[in-house]
Amino acid sequence: MALGGVVRGKRTTLRTPTEDDLAAYSSWMADMRVRRAGPIWREPAMPATWKERLKDQAKDQRGVLWSIETDGRLIGLVRAYIGGIESPPAARLQNFIIDPDEWRKGYGWDAALALHRYFFDYLDLKRGFTELRADNVAARRIAEKLGYSEFGRGHQVHYRDGSYVDESWILMERATWDERFGKTEREYVPFGAAR
């Protein structure tokens, strides 16, 4: 499961990463706009180091990594941890990064919607959760639109720009997904449903 296959949105595609993607990954990890918005996946490094990181990711049985593209152009990455000791089975979104030069074009929403359709409709997971920096307005807007709600908060967790920022811990249950998107975003007919 380590490299996630292909998940299609209306405008974006989440696909298996390639070595050609790694220079962009490293560049995003060095970009202060990305670093300010949320957690990064590893520090910038030489291409050989990123090749080793990609190999390590491929060995992780529960971690999944996708590159996000639109019109054949790489525009982001997403990492998630699927399953584990959580009961019921869940997805923990670890990193969701869109190239800052592509912000405010709707790609984040489209990729997030496709990703959650994969979590809930294909993998049949029961919940998703993640942590966001409380002042990341764009990420919070996408999460709220999907149906996430805050279940906890870490106060003054991240230091930057001379002050501290809270961290918001958010969760979405499968029932919320079904209620909001079960009729419009199904990729498969539910098992046992009339055809």
Protein backbone atom coordinates (compact mmCIF):
# COMPACT_ATOMS: atom_id res chain seq x y z
CA MET A 1 0.00 0.00 0.00
CA ALA A 2 3.02 2.28 0.37
CA LEU A 3 2.76 4.12 -2.93
CA GLY A 4 -0.91 4.84 -3.40
CA GLY A 5 -1.79 4.09 -7.01
CA VAL A 6 -4.06 6.49 -8.93
CA VAL A 7 -6.96 8.49 -7.50
CA ARG A 8 -8.73 10.88 -9.86
CA GLY A 9 -10.52 14.08 -9.02
CA LYS A 10 -12.27 16.35 -11.48
CA ARG A 11 -9.21 18.61 -11.92
CA THR A 12 -6.41 16.73 -10.18
CA THR A 13 -4.92 13.24 -10.13
CA LEU A 14 -3.19 11.64 -7.17
CA ARG A 15 -0.64 9.25 -8.60
CA THR A 16 2.34 7.14 -7.62
CA PRO A 17 5.41 9.36 -7.19
CA THR A 18 8.44 9.05 -9.43
CA GLU A 19 12.06 10.06 -8.96
CA ASP A 20 11.38 13.01 -11.27
CA ASP A 21 9.08 14.45 -8.56
CA LEU A 22 11.76 14.56 -5.89
CA ALA A 23 13.37 17.88 -6.87
CA ALA A 24 9.99 19.58 -6.47
CA TYR A 25 9.44 17.84 -3.11
CA SER A 26 12.77 19.18 -1.86
CA SER A 27 11.98 22.66 -3.18
CA TRP A 28 8.60 22.72 -1.39
CA MET A 29 10.19 21.63 1.88
CA ALA A 30 12.52 24.65 1.62
CA ASP A 31 9.76 27.12 0.69
CA MET A 32 8.93 29.32 3.68
CA ARG A 33 5.30 29.61 2.55
CA VAL A 34 4.92 25.82 2.83
CA ARG A 35 6.85 25.66 6.11
CA ARG A 36 4.66 28.39 7.58
CA ALA A 37 1.40 26.73 6.52
CA GLY A 38 1.92 23.34 8.13
CA PRO A 39 4.18 20.36 8.71
CA ILE A 40 6.64 19.48 5.99
CA TRP A 41 7.76 16.01 4.96
CA ARG A 42 11.47 15.96 5.74
CA GLU A 43 13.98 18.73 5.29
CA PRO A 44 15.29 19.77 1.86
CA ALA A 45 18.14 17.52 0.75
CA MET A 46 20.23 16.33 -2.17
CA PRO A 47 18.50 14.17 -4.82
CA ALA A 48 20.24 10.99 -3.61
CA THR A 49 18.83 11.54 -0.11
CA TRP A 50 15.32 12.00 -1.51
CA LYS A 51 15.71 8.78 -3.51
CA GLU A 52 16.46 6.95 -0.24
CA ARG A 53 13.44 8.59 1.40
CA LEU A 54 11.22 7.43 -1.45
CA LYS A 55 12.56 3.88 -1.06
CA ASP A 56 11.88 4.01 2.70
CA GLN A 57 8.34 5.27 2.04
CA ALA A 58 7.73 2.37 -0.34
CA LYS A 59 8.61 -0.07 2.46
CA ASP A 60 6.14 1.46 4.92
CA GLN A 61 3.18 -0.93 4.96
CA ARG A 62 0.69 1.60 6.35
CA GLY A 63 2.04 4.87 4.96
CA VAL A 64 0.80 6.02 1.56
CA LEU A 65 2.33 8.72 -0.63
CA TRP A 66 0.87 10.34 -3.74
CA SER A 67 2.07 13.07 -6.05
CA ILE A 68 -0.69 15.47 -7.09
CA GLU A 69 -0.82 16.64 -10.67
CA THR A 70 -3.09 18.62 -12.95
CA ASP A 71 -2.86 18.68 -16.74
CA GLY A 72 0.29 16.56 -16.48
CA ARG A 73 2.03 19.06 -14.17
CA LEU A 74 3.20 18.16 -10.66
CA ILE A 75 1.55 20.51 -8.16
CA GLY A 76 1.71 18.79 -4.79
CA LEU A 77 1.99 15.74 -2.59
CA VAL A 78 -0.07 14.00 0.04
CA ARG A 79 1.00 11.49 2.71
CA ALA A 80 -1.35 9.48 4.89
CA TYR A 81 -1.11 6.69 7.42
CA ILE A 82 -3.82 4.06 6.96
CA GLY A 83 -5.06 1.74 9.69
CA GLY A 84 -2.78 0.66 12.49
CA ILE A 85 -4.02 0.24 16.02
CA GLU A 86 -6.97 2.59 15.54
CA SER A 87 -10.35 1.01 15.86
CA PRO A 88 -12.39 1.49 13.78
CA PRO A 89 -9.90 1.73 10.87
CA ALA A 90 -8.84 5.30 10.14
CA ALA A 91 -6.68 7.48 7.94
CA ARG A 92 -4.33 10.02 9.49
CA LEU A 93 -3.45 12.73 7.02
CA GLN A 94 0.22 13.57 7.65
CA ASN A 95 1.08 16.02 4.87
CA PHE A 96 -1.02 17.74 2.24
CA ILE A 97 1.11 20.16 0.26
CA ILE A 98 0.14 22.16 -2.80
CA ASP A 99 2.85 24.13 -4.64
CA PRO A 100 2.46 27.71 -3.34
CA ASP A 101 2.51 29.00 -6.92
CA GLU A 102 -0.71 26.98 -7.46
CA TRP A 103 -2.57 28.16 -4.34
CA ARG A 104 -6.07 29.63 -4.65
CA LYS A 105 -6.90 27.78 -7.86
CA GLY A 106 -9.15 25.08 -6.36
CA TYR A 107 -6.62 22.26 -6.69
CA GLY A 108 -6.42 21.65 -2.93
CA TRP A 109 -10.18 21.16 -2.63
CA ASP A 110 -10.37 18.88 -5.66
CA ALA A 111 -7.47 16.69 -4.48
CA ALA A 112 -8.82 16.56 -0.91
CA LEU A 113 -12.27 15.51 -2.11
CA ALA A 114 -10.81 12.75 -4.32
CA LEU A 115 -8.56 11.58 -1.47
CA HIS A 116 -11.45 11.30 0.96
CA ARG A 117 -13.57 9.48 -1.60
CA TYR A 118 -10.70 6.97 -1.75
CA PHE A 119 -10.56 6.72 2.06
CA PHE A 120 -14.29 6.26 2.59
CA ASP A 121 -15.62 4.76 -0.62
CA TYR A 122 -12.74 2.57 -1.74
CA LEU A 123 -10.97 1.63 1.51
CA ASP A 124 -14.18 1.74 3.56
CA LEU A 125 -12.45 3.50 6.45
CA LYS A 126 -14.54 4.75 9.33
CA ARG A 127 -12.81 8.06 10.12
CA GLY A 128 -10.12 10.49 9.10
CA PHE A 129 -8.12 12.80 11.30
CA THR A 130 -5.25 15.28 11.13
CA GLU A 131 -3.70 18.29 12.80
CA LEU A 132 -3.73 21.81 11.34
CA ARG A 133 -2.11 25.02 12.35
CA ALA A 134 -5.03 27.01 13.68
CA ASP A 135 -4.27 30.03 11.50
CA ASN A 136 -4.09 28.08 8.22
CA VAL A 137 -7.32 29.51 6.84
CA ALA A 138 -7.24 27.66 3.49
CA ALA A 139 -6.70 24.23 5.09
CA ARG A 140 -9.38 24.88 7.71
CA ARG A 141 -11.85 25.93 5.00
CA ILE A 142 -11.26 22.71 3.03
CA ALA A 143 -11.51 20.60 6.20
CA GLU A 144 -14.76 22.25 7.28
CA LYS A 145 -16.25 21.85 3.80
CA LEU A 146 -15.37 18.14 3.90
CA GLY A 147 -17.02 17.77 7.31
CA TYR A 148 -14.14 17.76 9.77
CA SER A 149 -14.70 19.16 13.25
CA GLU A 150 -12.26 20.08 15.98
CA PHE A 151 -11.94 17.62 18.85
CA GLY A 152 -8.90 19.12 20.56
CA ARG A 153 -6.48 22.00 20.49
CA GLY A 154 -2.85 22.39 21.39
CA HIS A 155 -2.18 25.88 22.68
CA GLN A 156 0.88 27.77 21.47
CA VAL A 157 2.38 24.71 19.76
CA HIS A 158 4.19 26.33 16.80
CA TYR A 159 6.57 29.28 17.08
CA ARG A 160 7.02 31.53 14.09
CA ASP A 161 7.09 35.19 13.16
CA GLY A 162 7.84 36.11 16.77
CA SER A 163 4.78 34.48 18.33
CA TYR A 164 3.11 31.14 18.98
CA VAL A 165 0.27 29.55 17.00
CA ASP A 166 -2.24 26.96 18.20
CA GLU A 167 -2.69 23.55 16.62
CA SER A 168 -6.19 22.26 15.85
CA TRP A 169 -6.86 18.50 16.01
CA ILE A 170 -9.71 17.60 13.70
CA LEU A 171 -11.73 14.47 12.94
CA MET A 172 -14.33 13.34 10.42
CA GLU A 173 -16.48 10.24 10.86
CA ARG A 174 -17.66 8.07 7.98
CA ALA A 175 -21.28 9.02 8.72
CA THR A 176 -20.45 12.68 8.03
CA TRP A 177 -18.90 11.76 4.69
CA ASP A 178 -21.95 9.68 3.74
CA GLU A 179 -24.32 12.46 4.74
CA ARG A 180 -22.47 15.18 2.81
CA PHE A 181 -21.10 13.29 -0.18
CA GLY A 182 -22.59 9.78 -0.23
CA LYS A 183 -24.99 10.60 -3.06
CA THR A 184 -22.71 12.79 -5.16
CA GLU A 185 -19.20 11.40 -4.72
CA ARG A 186 -19.62 7.62 -4.85
CA GLU A 187 -17.21 5.85 -7.10
CA TYR A 188 -18.71 2.41 -6.50
CA VAL A 189 -22.22 1.14 -5.90
CA PRO A 190 -22.46 0.08 -2.24
CA PHE A 191 -22.23 -3.69 -1.74
CA GLY A 192 -25.69 -5.23 -1.81
CA ALA A 193 -27.34 -2.15 -3.34
CA ALA A 194 -29.72 -2.52 -6.27
CA ARG A 195 -28.08 -1.90 -9.62
